[in-house]
Amino acid sequence: MVEHNQNEKMFFVKIDKDLAFIKYDLSDPETMDIYKTYVPESLRGKGLAGQLAQAALDFALRENKKVIPSCSYVDSFMTKNTAYQNLRKSV
């Protein structure tokens, strides 16, 4: 369900005309800065933000990248899900 567009640096779910997404930048080859999560009103309450965050963080795990959770949703998601806490980049 969650797709990844590496050229646009985003994970997304498209349902009809609506698009929910997480955007990131690669600040360096080892670091992924996840800076925006967006779910349109029509798709809220379906758990899409969590699915997007999980997909992005699973990608970071597979690619051995540290994460800067600039987006408050991803920051909170990482805090609540202990499997991802070690991904957090130390500043």
N, C-alpha and C. Protein backbone atom coordinates (compact mmCIF):
# COMPACT_ATOMS: atom_id res chain seq x y z
N MET A 1 0.82 -1.20 0.00
CA MET A 1 0.00 0.00 0.00
C MET A 1 0.87 1.27 0.00
N VAL A 2 1.90 1.32 0.87
CA VAL A 2 2.81 2.48 0.88
C VAL A 2 3.82 2.31 -0.25
N GLU A 3 3.98 3.36 -1.05
CA GLU A 3 4.94 3.34 -2.14
C GLU A 3 6.08 4.31 -1.82
N HIS A 4 7.22 4.09 -2.47
CA HIS A 4 8.39 4.93 -2.24
C HIS A 4 8.85 5.50 -3.57
N ASN A 5 8.93 6.81 -3.65
CA ASN A 5 9.48 7.48 -4.83
C ASN A 5 10.82 8.07 -4.41
N GLN A 6 11.91 7.39 -4.75
CA GLN A 6 13.23 7.84 -4.32
C GLN A 6 13.65 9.13 -5.01
N ASN A 7 13.21 9.35 -6.23
CA ASN A 7 13.55 10.60 -6.93
C ASN A 7 12.94 11.81 -6.23
N GLU A 8 11.71 11.67 -5.77
CA GLU A 8 11.02 12.76 -5.06
C GLU A 8 11.29 12.74 -3.57
N LYS A 9 11.99 11.70 -3.10
CA LYS A 9 12.30 11.51 -1.67
C LYS A 9 11.03 11.56 -0.83
N MET A 10 10.13 10.66 -1.15
CA MET A 10 8.88 10.59 -0.39
C MET A 10 8.30 9.19 -0.39
N PHE A 11 7.62 8.88 0.70
CA PHE A 11 6.80 7.68 0.82
C PHE A 11 5.37 8.18 0.74
N PHE A 12 4.50 7.44 0.04
CA PHE A 12 3.14 7.95 -0.13
C PHE A 12 2.12 6.83 -0.27
N VAL A 13 0.88 7.23 -0.02
CA VAL A 13 -0.28 6.38 -0.25
C VAL A 13 -1.26 7.24 -1.04
N LYS A 14 -1.69 6.73 -2.19
CA LYS A 14 -2.67 7.46 -3.00
C LYS A 14 -3.97 6.67 -2.99
N ILE A 15 -5.04 7.34 -2.57
CA ILE A 15 -6.37 6.74 -2.56
C ILE A 15 -7.28 7.69 -3.33
N ASP A 16 -7.78 7.20 -4.45
CA ASP A 16 -8.55 8.04 -5.38
C ASP A 16 -7.68 9.24 -5.77
N LYS A 17 -8.17 10.46 -5.48
CA LYS A 17 -7.39 11.65 -5.84
C LYS A 17 -6.56 12.17 -4.67
N ASP A 18 -6.67 11.54 -3.51
CA ASP A 18 -6.00 12.03 -2.30
C ASP A 18 -4.63 11.39 -2.12
N LEU A 19 -3.70 12.19 -1.62
CA LEU A 19 -2.32 11.73 -1.43
C LEU A 19 -1.87 12.03 -0.01
N ALA A 20 -1.48 10.98 0.71
CA ALA A 20 -0.86 11.12 2.03
C ALA A 20 0.62 10.82 1.83
N PHE A 21 1.50 11.57 2.52
CA PHE A 21 2.92 11.36 2.26
C PHE A 21 3.80 11.74 3.44
N ILE A 22 5.02 11.23 3.38
CA ILE A 22 6.13 11.64 4.24
C ILE A 22 7.25 12.03 3.30
N LYS A 23 7.85 13.19 3.57
CA LYS A 23 8.98 13.66 2.76
C LYS A 23 10.25 13.66 3.59
N TYR A 24 11.36 13.41 2.90
CA TYR A 24 12.65 13.39 3.58
C TYR A 24 13.74 13.96 2.68
N ASP A 25 14.84 14.31 3.30
CA ASP A 25 16.06 14.70 2.59
C ASP A 25 17.17 13.80 3.06
N LEU A 26 18.15 13.63 2.24
CA LEU A 26 19.37 12.91 2.64
C LEU A 26 20.43 13.99 2.88
N SER A 27 20.59 14.37 4.14
CA SER A 27 21.52 15.45 4.45
C SER A 27 22.97 15.03 4.22
N ASP A 28 23.23 13.74 4.29
CA ASP A 28 24.49 13.14 3.89
C ASP A 28 24.20 11.67 3.60
N PRO A 29 25.16 10.91 3.07
CA PRO A 29 24.86 9.53 2.68
C PRO A 29 24.38 8.62 3.83
N GLU A 30 24.69 8.99 5.07
CA GLU A 30 24.29 8.16 6.21
C GLU A 30 23.11 8.71 6.99
N THR A 31 22.56 9.85 6.57
CA THR A 31 21.53 10.51 7.38
C THR A 31 20.29 10.86 6.57
N MET A 32 19.16 10.52 7.13
CA MET A 32 17.86 10.78 6.52
C MET A 32 17.11 11.76 7.41
N ASP A 33 16.80 12.93 6.90
CA ASP A 33 16.04 13.95 7.64
C ASP A 33 14.58 13.86 7.19
N ILE A 34 13.74 13.32 8.06
CA ILE A 34 12.30 13.21 7.75
C ILE A 34 11.64 14.47 8.26
N TYR A 35 11.18 15.31 7.33
CA TYR A 35 10.77 16.65 7.72
C TYR A 35 9.28 16.96 7.56
N LYS A 36 8.51 16.10 6.91
CA LYS A 36 7.09 16.44 6.75
C LYS A 36 6.24 15.19 6.61
N THR A 37 5.14 15.18 7.36
CA THR A 37 4.10 14.16 7.23
C THR A 37 2.80 14.89 6.92
N TYR A 38 2.09 14.42 5.91
CA TYR A 38 0.81 15.04 5.56
C TYR A 38 -0.21 13.97 5.21
N VAL A 39 -1.38 14.08 5.84
CA VAL A 39 -2.51 13.22 5.51
C VAL A 39 -3.71 14.14 5.30
N PRO A 40 -4.32 14.11 4.10
CA PRO A 40 -5.49 14.96 3.87
C PRO A 40 -6.64 14.60 4.81
N GLU A 41 -7.47 15.57 5.10
CA GLU A 41 -8.58 15.37 6.04
C GLU A 41 -9.42 14.15 5.70
N SER A 42 -9.66 13.94 4.41
CA SER A 42 -10.52 12.84 3.98
C SER A 42 -9.93 11.47 4.32
N LEU A 43 -8.62 11.40 4.57
CA LEU A 43 -7.97 10.11 4.85
C LEU A 43 -7.54 9.97 6.31
N ARG A 44 -7.79 10.98 7.12
CA ARG A 44 -7.34 10.93 8.52
C ARG A 44 -8.13 9.90 9.32
N GLY A 45 -7.48 9.39 10.36
CA GLY A 45 -8.12 8.42 11.24
C GLY A 45 -8.04 6.99 10.73
N LYS A 46 -7.29 6.75 9.69
CA LYS A 46 -7.16 5.41 9.11
C LYS A 46 -5.79 4.78 9.38
N GLY A 47 -4.94 5.49 10.15
CA GLY A 47 -3.63 4.95 10.48
C GLY A 47 -2.58 5.14 9.40
N LEU A 48 -2.87 5.98 8.41
CA LEU A 48 -1.93 6.15 7.30
C LEU A 48 -0.63 6.81 7.73
N ALA A 49 -0.69 7.79 8.63
CA ALA A 49 0.54 8.46 9.07
C ALA A 49 1.49 7.44 9.71
N GLY A 50 0.95 6.55 10.51
CA GLY A 50 1.77 5.51 11.14
C GLY A 50 2.36 4.56 10.12
N GLN A 51 1.57 4.19 9.11
CA GLN A 51 2.08 3.30 8.06
C GLN A 51 3.20 3.97 7.28
N LEU A 52 3.03 5.26 7.00
CA LEU A 52 4.07 6.01 6.28
C LEU A 52 5.34 6.12 7.11
N ALA A 53 5.19 6.45 8.40
CA ALA A 53 6.35 6.56 9.28
C ALA A 53 7.08 5.23 9.37
N GLN A 54 6.33 4.16 9.52
CA GLN A 54 6.94 2.83 9.61
C GLN A 54 7.70 2.49 8.33
N ALA A 55 7.12 2.79 7.20
CA ALA A 55 7.78 2.50 5.92
C ALA A 55 9.08 3.29 5.79
N ALA A 56 9.04 4.57 6.16
CA ALA A 56 10.24 5.41 6.06
C ALA A 56 11.32 4.93 7.02
N LEU A 57 10.93 4.58 8.24
CA LEU A 57 11.91 4.13 9.23
C LEU A 57 12.44 2.74 8.90
N ASP A 58 11.60 1.88 8.36
CA ASP A 58 12.08 0.57 7.91
C ASP A 58 13.11 0.72 6.78
N PHE A 59 12.86 1.68 5.90
CA PHE A 59 13.82 1.98 4.83
C PHE A 59 15.16 2.43 5.44
N ALA A 60 15.09 3.31 6.43
CA ALA A 60 16.31 3.78 7.10
C ALA A 60 17.06 2.61 7.73
N LEU A 61 16.32 1.70 8.35
CA LEU A 61 16.95 0.51 8.95
C LEU A 61 17.66 -0.33 7.89
N ARG A 62 16.95 -0.63 6.80
CA ARG A 62 17.52 -1.45 5.72
C ARG A 62 18.76 -0.80 5.10
N GLU A 63 18.72 0.52 4.98
CA GLU A 63 19.81 1.25 4.32
C GLU A 63 20.89 1.69 5.30
N ASN A 64 20.73 1.30 6.57
CA ASN A 64 21.71 1.63 7.61
C ASN A 64 21.93 3.14 7.74
N LYS A 65 20.82 3.88 7.79
CA LYS A 65 20.88 5.34 7.91
C LYS A 65 20.40 5.77 9.30
N LYS A 66 20.96 6.85 9.79
CA LYS A 66 20.47 7.49 11.00
C LYS A 66 19.36 8.45 10.58
N VAL A 67 18.48 8.79 11.52
CA VAL A 67 17.32 9.62 11.20
C VAL A 67 17.31 10.88 12.06
N ILE A 68 17.07 11.99 11.39
CA ILE A 68 16.77 13.25 12.08
C ILE A 68 15.26 13.42 11.94
N PRO A 69 14.49 13.27 13.02
CA PRO A 69 13.04 13.39 12.92
C PRO A 69 12.59 14.85 13.05
N SER A 70 12.80 15.65 12.02
CA SER A 70 12.40 17.06 12.05
C SER A 70 10.89 17.21 12.13
N CYS A 71 10.17 16.25 11.62
CA CYS A 71 8.71 16.24 11.69
C CYS A 71 8.29 15.77 13.08
N SER A 72 7.41 16.52 13.73
CA SER A 72 7.00 16.18 15.10
C SER A 72 6.28 14.83 15.16
N TYR A 73 5.54 14.47 14.12
CA TYR A 73 4.86 13.18 14.13
C TYR A 73 5.88 12.04 14.14
N VAL A 74 6.88 12.12 13.30
CA VAL A 74 7.90 11.07 13.23
C VAL A 74 8.71 11.03 14.52
N ASP A 75 9.00 12.19 15.10
CA ASP A 75 9.71 12.25 16.37
C ASP A 75 8.92 11.49 17.44
N SER A 76 7.63 11.75 17.52
CA SER A 76 6.76 11.07 18.49
C SER A 76 6.66 9.58 18.18
N PHE A 77 6.53 9.22 16.92
CA PHE A 77 6.44 7.82 16.50
C PHE A 77 7.69 7.05 16.91
N MET A 78 8.85 7.67 16.73
CA MET A 78 10.11 7.01 17.10
C MET A 78 10.21 6.83 18.61
N THR A 79 9.72 7.80 19.36
CA THR A 79 9.76 7.71 20.82
C THR A 79 8.86 6.58 21.31
N LYS A 80 7.69 6.43 20.70
CA LYS A 80 6.72 5.42 21.12
C LYS A 80 7.09 4.01 20.65
N ASN A 81 7.83 3.90 19.58
CA ASN A 81 8.18 2.59 19.00
C ASN A 81 9.66 2.32 19.22
N THR A 82 9.95 1.57 20.26
CA THR A 82 11.33 1.37 20.69
C THR A 82 12.22 0.74 19.61
N ALA A 83 11.63 0.03 18.66
CA ALA A 83 12.43 -0.60 17.60
C ALA A 83 13.18 0.45 16.77
N TYR A 84 12.70 1.69 16.77
CA TYR A 84 13.31 2.73 15.94
C TYR A 84 14.16 3.73 16.71
N GLN A 85 14.20 3.61 18.03
CA GLN A 85 14.92 4.61 18.82
C GLN A 85 16.41 4.68 18.52
N ASN A 86 17.01 3.55 18.16
CA ASN A 86 18.44 3.54 17.86
C ASN A 86 18.76 4.22 16.53
N LEU A 87 17.75 4.52 15.72
CA LEU A 87 17.97 5.19 14.45
C LEU A 87 18.22 6.68 14.63
N ARG A 88 17.78 7.23 15.76
CA ARG A 88 17.85 8.66 15.98
C ARG A 88 19.31 9.14 15.96
N LYS A 89 19.55 10.17 15.14
CA LYS A 89 20.91 10.70 15.04
C LYS A 89 21.20 11.59 16.24
N SER A 90 22.34 11.38 16.84
CA SER A 90 22.77 12.22 17.96
C SER A 90 23.26 13.54 17.42
N VAL A 91 22.93 14.59 18.14
CA VAL A 91 23.38 15.93 17.69
C VAL A 91 24.51 16.44 18.57
